[in-house]
Protein backbone atom coordinates (compact mmCIF):
# COMPACT_ATOMS: atom_id res chain seq x y z
CA UNK A 1 119.15 134.17 39.99
CA UNK A 2 116.74 135.57 42.26
CA UNK A 3 113.61 133.28 43.65
CA UNK A 4 110.95 133.27 46.13
CA UNK A 5 111.50 130.91 49.03
CA UNK A 6 109.62 130.41 52.26
CA UNK A 7 112.02 130.96 55.32
CA UNK A 8 111.03 129.88 58.77
CA UNK A 9 111.57 132.51 61.71
CA UNK A 10 110.72 132.26 65.14
CA UNK A 11 108.49 135.34 65.89
CA UNK A 12 106.16 136.23 68.80
CA UNK A 13 102.63 135.59 67.87
CA UNK A 14 101.19 138.51 69.40
CA UNK A 15 103.58 140.92 67.74
CA UNK A 16 102.64 139.50 64.16
CA UNK A 17 99.04 139.66 64.97
CA UNK A 18 99.34 143.05 66.09
CA UNK A 19 101.39 144.45 62.92
CA UNK A 20 99.79 142.14 60.57
CA UNK A 21 97.87 143.22 57.37
CA UNK A 22 95.54 140.76 55.95
CA UNK A 23 94.96 140.83 52.31
CA UNK A 24 91.69 139.54 50.77
CA UNK A 25 90.50 139.74 47.17
CA UNK A 26 90.31 143.46 46.74
CA UNK A 27 91.04 145.14 50.09
CA UNK A 28 92.99 144.58 53.36
CA UNK A 29 91.97 144.07 57.01
CA UNK A 30 94.10 145.22 60.29
CA UNK A 31 94.65 141.95 62.14
CA UNK A 32 94.79 143.78 65.42
CA UNK A 33 91.42 145.70 65.31
CA UNK A 34 89.81 144.09 62.32
CA UNK A 35 89.53 147.46 60.39
CA UNK A 36 88.26 146.53 57.13
CA UNK A 37 88.61 147.97 53.69
CA UNK A 38 92.23 149.21 53.84
CA UNK A 39 93.83 149.64 50.38
CA UNK A 40 96.83 147.24 50.92
CA UNK A 41 99.01 148.99 48.03
CA UNK A 42 99.52 152.07 49.97
CA UNK A 43 98.20 151.65 53.76
CA UNK A 44 101.34 151.90 56.03
CA UNK A 45 99.26 152.33 59.24
CA UNK A 46 95.68 151.26 60.36
CA UNK A 47 93.55 154.56 60.45
CA UNK A 48 91.55 153.07 63.24
CA UNK A 49 94.04 151.79 65.63
CA UNK A 50 97.21 153.55 64.46
CA UNK A 51 99.12 150.19 64.23
CA UNK A 52 101.96 150.33 61.87
CA UNK A 53 102.04 147.29 59.57
CA UNK A 54 105.34 145.18 59.42
CA UNK A 55 103.65 141.77 58.28
CA UNK A 56 101.37 140.90 55.59
CA UNK A 57 99.35 137.52 54.51
CA UNK A 58 96.74 136.63 51.93
CA UNK A 59 93.65 134.91 52.37
CA UNK A 60 93.74 133.66 48.75
CA UNK A 61 96.99 131.47 49.97
CA UNK A 62 94.09 129.43 51.53
CA UNK A 63 91.81 129.14 48.36
CA UNK A 64 94.41 129.06 45.70
CA UNK A 65 97.74 127.26 47.39
CA UNK A 66 99.31 126.70 43.84
CA UNK A 67 99.24 130.46 43.20
CA UNK A 68 100.96 131.57 46.54
CA UNK A 69 104.30 132.29 44.93
CA UNK A 70 102.73 134.20 42.17
CA UNK A 71 100.58 136.16 44.64
CA UNK A 72 103.70 137.20 46.69
CA UNK A 73 105.46 138.11 43.62
CA UNK A 74 102.96 140.32 42.34
CA UNK A 75 101.96 142.07 45.56
CA UNK A 76 105.55 142.52 46.81
CA UNK A 77 106.04 144.88 43.72
CA UNK A 78 103.50 147.18 45.38
CA UNK A 79 104.60 146.42 49.04
CA UNK A 80 108.28 145.31 49.36
CA UNK A 81 108.29 146.99 52.78
CA UNK A 82 106.26 144.12 54.46
CA UNK A 83 107.41 140.46 55.41
CA UNK A 84 105.30 137.81 54.39
CA UNK A 85 103.60 135.33 56.67
CA UNK A 86 102.07 132.43 55.56
CA UNK A 87 98.11 132.36 56.10
CA UNK A 88 97.48 128.80 56.86
CA UNK A 89 100.65 129.01 59.54
CA UNK A 90 98.93 132.14 61.07
CA UNK A 91 95.40 130.65 61.19
CA UNK A 92 96.45 127.51 62.78
CA UNK A 93 98.73 129.06 65.44
CA UNK A 94 96.16 131.67 66.27
CA UNK A 95 93.54 129.17 66.58
CA UNK A 96 95.56 127.22 68.85
CA UNK A 97 96.51 130.13 71.10
CA UNK A 98 92.52 130.85 71.36
CA UNK A 99 91.79 127.51 72.43
CA UNK A 100 94.56 127.57 75.08
CA UNK A 101 93.27 131.10 76.33
CA UNK A 102 89.60 129.54 76.42
CA UNK A 103 90.50 126.46 78.22
CA UNK A 104 92.88 127.99 80.80
CA UNK A 105 90.69 130.99 81.68
């Protein structure tokens, strides 16, 4: 039986952020340059900064946490080439990094 499981892996945060496609309700955004309105079902590379997408996350994880597995299952049918990242983890870690950068500089 196949099932969706969350698996922890150690990754470089800057690498994830540079190659991350963030899915909203209807379109996606490039996490690297903030380009908006990307068709997450087909876009492989950001048309603005030319970043290749390796990772994907979804803002709906935050507002619909009980539906996260259904969201991943449904969207993975369109984009099984991307590695899923938990949106809450991503936001917490990038927020921490921004705070460290702010107070150390």
